[in-house]
Amino acid sequence: MFILGGLIAFVVGIINNAFSFDTDFLLQGFIGSISITLLEAVFGYQWNVIEQLDIWDYSNMLFSGVAGQVCLEFSIFAWIPLSFMC
């Protein structure tokens, strides 16, 4: 999890530096959320489905996908604000 968290902070930081200050803040948050969700899907599938470490599982939540490794609710209500903070 610490590896994924560090990678997410690094990627969102790169996204922040890639756009100018004129770029819409909401667009940057949306792109950050997509990046976080994609990283969560890749690492979640590897760690939870293939290696069966059971670190997180969104299977019981509405709009979960990629074998329960990503959740639309978290993508919108958690990862966009997290992208704003980063």
N, C-alpha and C. Protein backbone atom coordinates (compact mmCIF):
# COMPACT_ATOMS: atom_id res chain seq x y z
N MET A 1 0.82 -1.19 0.00
CA MET A 1 0.00 0.00 0.00
C MET A 1 0.86 1.25 0.00
N PHE A 2 1.96 1.25 0.74
CA PHE A 2 2.83 2.42 0.79
C PHE A 2 3.45 2.68 -0.58
N ILE A 3 3.78 1.60 -1.29
CA ILE A 3 4.33 1.74 -2.64
C ILE A 3 3.30 2.40 -3.56
N LEU A 4 2.07 1.93 -3.50
CA LEU A 4 1.01 2.49 -4.33
C LEU A 4 0.73 3.94 -3.95
N GLY A 5 0.68 4.23 -2.66
CA GLY A 5 0.45 5.61 -2.22
C GLY A 5 1.53 6.56 -2.70
N GLY A 6 2.78 6.14 -2.61
CA GLY A 6 3.89 6.96 -3.09
C GLY A 6 3.83 7.15 -4.60
N LEU A 7 3.50 6.09 -5.31
CA LEU A 7 3.39 6.18 -6.77
C LEU A 7 2.26 7.11 -7.18
N ILE A 8 1.15 7.04 -6.46
CA ILE A 8 0.01 7.92 -6.75
C ILE A 8 0.40 9.38 -6.53
N ALA A 9 1.05 9.67 -5.41
CA ALA A 9 1.49 11.05 -5.13
C ALA A 9 2.45 11.53 -6.21
N PHE A 10 3.34 10.67 -6.66
CA PHE A 10 4.30 11.02 -7.70
C PHE A 10 3.58 11.32 -9.02
N VAL A 11 2.66 10.44 -9.41
CA VAL A 11 1.94 10.61 -10.68
C VAL A 11 1.07 11.87 -10.66
N VAL A 12 0.36 12.10 -9.56
CA VAL A 12 -0.48 13.29 -9.48
C VAL A 12 0.39 14.55 -9.47
N GLY A 13 1.55 14.49 -8.86
CA GLY A 13 2.48 15.62 -8.91
C GLY A 13 2.96 15.91 -10.31
N ILE A 14 3.23 14.86 -11.06
CA ILE A 14 3.64 15.03 -12.46
C ILE A 14 2.50 15.64 -13.27
N ILE A 15 1.28 15.18 -13.02
CA ILE A 15 0.12 15.73 -13.73
C ILE A 15 -0.01 17.21 -13.41
N ASN A 16 0.19 17.58 -12.16
CA ASN A 16 0.09 18.98 -11.76
C ASN A 16 1.14 19.83 -12.48
N ASN A 17 2.34 19.31 -12.64
CA ASN A 17 3.39 20.05 -13.32
C ASN A 17 3.21 20.06 -14.84
N ALA A 18 2.48 19.09 -15.37
CA ALA A 18 2.30 19.00 -16.82
C ALA A 18 1.33 20.05 -17.35
N PHE A 19 0.42 20.51 -16.51
CA PHE A 19 -0.58 21.49 -16.93
C PHE A 19 -0.18 22.88 -16.46
N SER A 20 -0.59 23.89 -17.23
CA SER A 20 -0.33 25.26 -16.83
C SER A 20 -1.35 25.68 -15.77
N PHE A 21 -1.11 26.84 -15.18
CA PHE A 21 -2.03 27.34 -14.16
C PHE A 21 -3.36 27.79 -14.75
N ASP A 22 -3.43 27.90 -16.07
CA ASP A 22 -4.68 28.28 -16.73
C ASP A 22 -5.62 27.10 -16.92
N THR A 23 -5.13 25.89 -16.72
CA THR A 23 -5.96 24.69 -16.89
C THR A 23 -7.00 24.63 -15.78
N ASP A 24 -8.21 24.26 -16.15
CA ASP A 24 -9.30 24.17 -15.19
C ASP A 24 -8.94 23.22 -14.05
N PHE A 25 -9.18 23.66 -12.82
CA PHE A 25 -8.83 22.88 -11.63
C PHE A 25 -9.62 21.57 -11.57
N LEU A 26 -10.89 21.62 -11.96
CA LEU A 26 -11.73 20.42 -11.95
C LEU A 26 -11.22 19.39 -12.96
N LEU A 27 -10.75 19.85 -14.11
CA LEU A 27 -10.18 18.95 -15.12
C LEU A 27 -8.94 18.25 -14.57
N GLN A 28 -8.09 19.00 -13.88
CA GLN A 28 -6.90 18.39 -13.28
C GLN A 28 -7.29 17.35 -12.23
N GLY A 29 -8.32 17.65 -11.43
CA GLY A 29 -8.79 16.68 -10.44
C GLY A 29 -9.36 15.43 -11.09
N PHE A 30 -10.08 15.61 -12.19
CA PHE A 30 -10.66 14.47 -12.92
C PHE A 30 -9.56 13.60 -13.51
N ILE A 31 -8.55 14.21 -14.10
CA ILE A 31 -7.44 13.45 -14.68
C ILE A 31 -6.67 12.73 -13.57
N GLY A 32 -6.48 13.39 -12.43
CA GLY A 32 -5.83 12.75 -11.28
C GLY A 32 -6.63 11.56 -10.78
N SER A 33 -7.96 11.72 -10.74
CA SER A 33 -8.83 10.63 -10.30
C SER A 33 -8.75 9.43 -11.23
N ILE A 34 -8.71 9.68 -12.52
CA ILE A 34 -8.58 8.59 -13.49
C ILE A 34 -7.24 7.89 -13.31
N SER A 35 -6.19 8.66 -13.09
CA SER A 35 -4.86 8.06 -12.88
C SER A 35 -4.84 7.19 -11.63
N ILE A 36 -5.41 7.70 -10.55
CA ILE A 36 -5.46 6.95 -9.30
C ILE A 36 -6.27 5.66 -9.49
N THR A 37 -7.41 5.77 -10.16
CA THR A 37 -8.25 4.59 -10.38
C THR A 37 -7.53 3.55 -11.23
N LEU A 38 -6.82 3.98 -12.27
CA LEU A 38 -6.08 3.03 -13.09
C LEU A 38 -4.96 2.35 -12.30
N LEU A 39 -4.23 3.12 -11.50
CA LEU A 39 -3.18 2.52 -10.67
C LEU A 39 -3.77 1.55 -9.65
N GLU A 40 -4.91 1.95 -9.07
CA GLU A 40 -5.59 1.08 -8.10
C GLU A 40 -6.05 -0.21 -8.77
N ALA A 41 -6.51 -0.13 -10.00
CA ALA A 41 -6.96 -1.33 -10.72
C ALA A 41 -5.79 -2.27 -11.00
N VAL A 42 -4.68 -1.72 -11.48
CA VAL A 42 -3.52 -2.54 -11.82
C VAL A 42 -2.92 -3.19 -10.57
N PHE A 43 -2.64 -2.38 -9.56
CA PHE A 43 -2.04 -2.92 -8.34
C PHE A 43 -3.02 -3.81 -7.58
N GLY A 44 -4.29 -3.42 -7.54
CA GLY A 44 -5.30 -4.23 -6.87
C GLY A 44 -5.47 -5.58 -7.51
N TYR A 45 -5.48 -5.61 -8.83
CA TYR A 45 -5.62 -6.89 -9.51
C TYR A 45 -4.42 -7.77 -9.23
N GLN A 46 -3.23 -7.19 -9.27
CA GLN A 46 -2.02 -7.97 -9.00
C GLN A 46 -2.00 -8.49 -7.56
N TRP A 47 -2.20 -7.59 -6.61
CA TRP A 47 -2.06 -7.96 -5.20
C TRP A 47 -3.24 -8.77 -4.67
N ASN A 48 -4.45 -8.41 -5.07
CA ASN A 48 -5.63 -9.04 -4.47
C ASN A 48 -6.17 -10.23 -5.25
N VAL A 49 -6.08 -10.21 -6.57
CA VAL A 49 -6.63 -11.30 -7.37
C VAL A 49 -5.56 -12.35 -7.66
N ILE A 50 -4.42 -11.91 -8.15
CA ILE A 50 -3.38 -12.87 -8.53
C ILE A 50 -2.65 -13.41 -7.30
N GLU A 51 -2.15 -12.50 -6.44
CA GLU A 51 -1.39 -12.93 -5.27
C GLU A 51 -2.27 -13.23 -4.05
N GLN A 52 -3.55 -12.90 -4.10
CA GLN A 52 -4.55 -13.16 -3.06
C GLN A 52 -4.13 -12.63 -1.69
N LEU A 53 -3.65 -11.38 -1.65
CA LEU A 53 -3.27 -10.75 -0.39
C LEU A 53 -4.46 -10.13 0.35
N ASP A 54 -5.58 -9.93 -0.34
CA ASP A 54 -6.81 -9.38 0.24
C ASP A 54 -6.57 -8.06 0.97
N ILE A 55 -5.93 -7.11 0.29
CA ILE A 55 -5.66 -5.81 0.90
C ILE A 55 -6.91 -4.95 0.89
N TRP A 56 -7.64 -4.87 -0.23
CA TRP A 56 -8.90 -4.17 -0.30
C TRP A 56 -9.82 -4.88 -1.27
N ASP A 57 -11.12 -4.68 -1.08
CA ASP A 57 -12.10 -5.34 -1.94
C ASP A 57 -13.37 -4.49 -1.95
N TYR A 58 -13.73 -3.98 -3.11
CA TYR A 58 -14.93 -3.17 -3.28
C TYR A 58 -16.08 -3.97 -3.86
N SER A 59 -16.02 -5.28 -3.84
CA SER A 59 -17.04 -6.12 -4.47
C SER A 59 -18.44 -5.86 -3.92
N ASN A 60 -18.55 -5.52 -2.65
CA ASN A 60 -19.86 -5.33 -2.04
C ASN A 60 -20.41 -3.92 -2.27
N MET A 61 -19.65 -3.05 -2.94
CA MET A 61 -20.09 -1.68 -3.18
C MET A 61 -20.73 -1.56 -4.56
N LEU A 62 -21.59 -0.58 -4.69
CA LEU A 62 -22.26 -0.31 -5.95
C LEU A 62 -21.25 0.22 -6.96
N PHE A 63 -21.37 -0.17 -8.20
CA PHE A 63 -20.50 0.26 -9.30
C PHE A 63 -19.04 -0.12 -9.11
N SER A 64 -18.79 -1.30 -8.57
CA SER A 64 -17.41 -1.78 -8.47
C SER A 64 -17.05 -2.51 -9.75
N GLY A 65 -15.77 -2.50 -10.07
CA GLY A 65 -15.34 -3.15 -11.30
C GLY A 65 -13.96 -3.74 -11.14
N VAL A 66 -13.44 -4.33 -12.17
CA VAL A 66 -12.13 -4.99 -12.22
C VAL A 66 -12.00 -5.94 -11.03
N ALA A 67 -12.88 -6.90 -10.97
CA ALA A 67 -12.89 -7.93 -9.93
C ALA A 67 -12.96 -7.32 -8.53
N GLY A 68 -13.69 -6.20 -8.39
CA GLY A 68 -13.86 -5.57 -7.09
C GLY A 68 -12.68 -4.74 -6.64
N GLN A 69 -11.80 -4.36 -7.56
CA GLN A 69 -10.60 -3.61 -7.17
C GLN A 69 -10.74 -2.11 -7.33
N VAL A 70 -11.74 -1.63 -8.05
CA VAL A 70 -12.01 -0.21 -8.18
C VAL A 70 -13.49 0.04 -7.93
N CYS A 71 -13.79 1.27 -7.53
CA CYS A 71 -15.16 1.63 -7.21
C CYS A 71 -15.43 3.03 -7.75
N LEU A 72 -16.52 3.20 -8.49
CA LEU A 72 -16.87 4.49 -9.06
C LEU A 72 -17.11 5.54 -7.98
N GLU A 73 -17.72 5.14 -6.87
CA GLU A 73 -17.97 6.09 -5.78
C GLU A 73 -16.66 6.67 -5.23
N PHE A 74 -15.67 5.82 -5.03
CA PHE A 74 -14.39 6.30 -4.54
C PHE A 74 -13.70 7.17 -5.59
N SER A 75 -13.83 6.80 -6.86
CA SER A 75 -13.21 7.59 -7.93
C SER A 75 -13.74 9.02 -7.94
N ILE A 76 -15.01 9.18 -7.67
CA ILE A 76 -15.62 10.51 -7.72
C ILE A 76 -15.48 11.24 -6.39
N PHE A 77 -15.86 10.58 -5.29
CA PHE A 77 -15.96 11.28 -4.01
C PHE A 77 -14.71 11.25 -3.15
N ALA A 78 -13.74 10.44 -3.51
CA ALA A 78 -12.50 10.39 -2.72
C ALA A 78 -11.29 10.78 -3.55
N TRP A 79 -11.16 10.25 -4.76
CA TRP A 79 -9.93 10.46 -5.52
C TRP A 79 -9.87 11.84 -6.15
N ILE A 80 -11.01 12.43 -6.54
CA ILE A 80 -10.96 13.80 -7.06
C ILE A 80 -10.53 14.77 -5.97
N PRO A 81 -11.14 14.74 -4.76
CA PRO A 81 -10.63 15.64 -3.71
C PRO A 81 -9.17 15.35 -3.32
N LEU A 82 -8.78 14.09 -3.33
CA LEU A 82 -7.38 13.76 -3.04
C LEU A 82 -6.46 14.38 -4.10
N SER A 83 -6.89 14.33 -5.36
CA SER A 83 -6.11 14.96 -6.43
C SER A 83 -6.00 16.46 -6.22
N PHE A 84 -7.08 17.09 -5.75
CA PHE A 84 -7.03 18.52 -5.45
C PHE A 84 -5.97 18.81 -4.39
N MET A 85 -5.93 17.99 -3.35
CA MET A 85 -4.97 18.21 -2.27
C MET A 85 -3.53 18.01 -2.71
N CYS A 86 -3.34 17.01 -3.58
CA CYS A 86 -1.98 16.75 -4.06
C CYS A 86 -1.54 17.84 -5.00
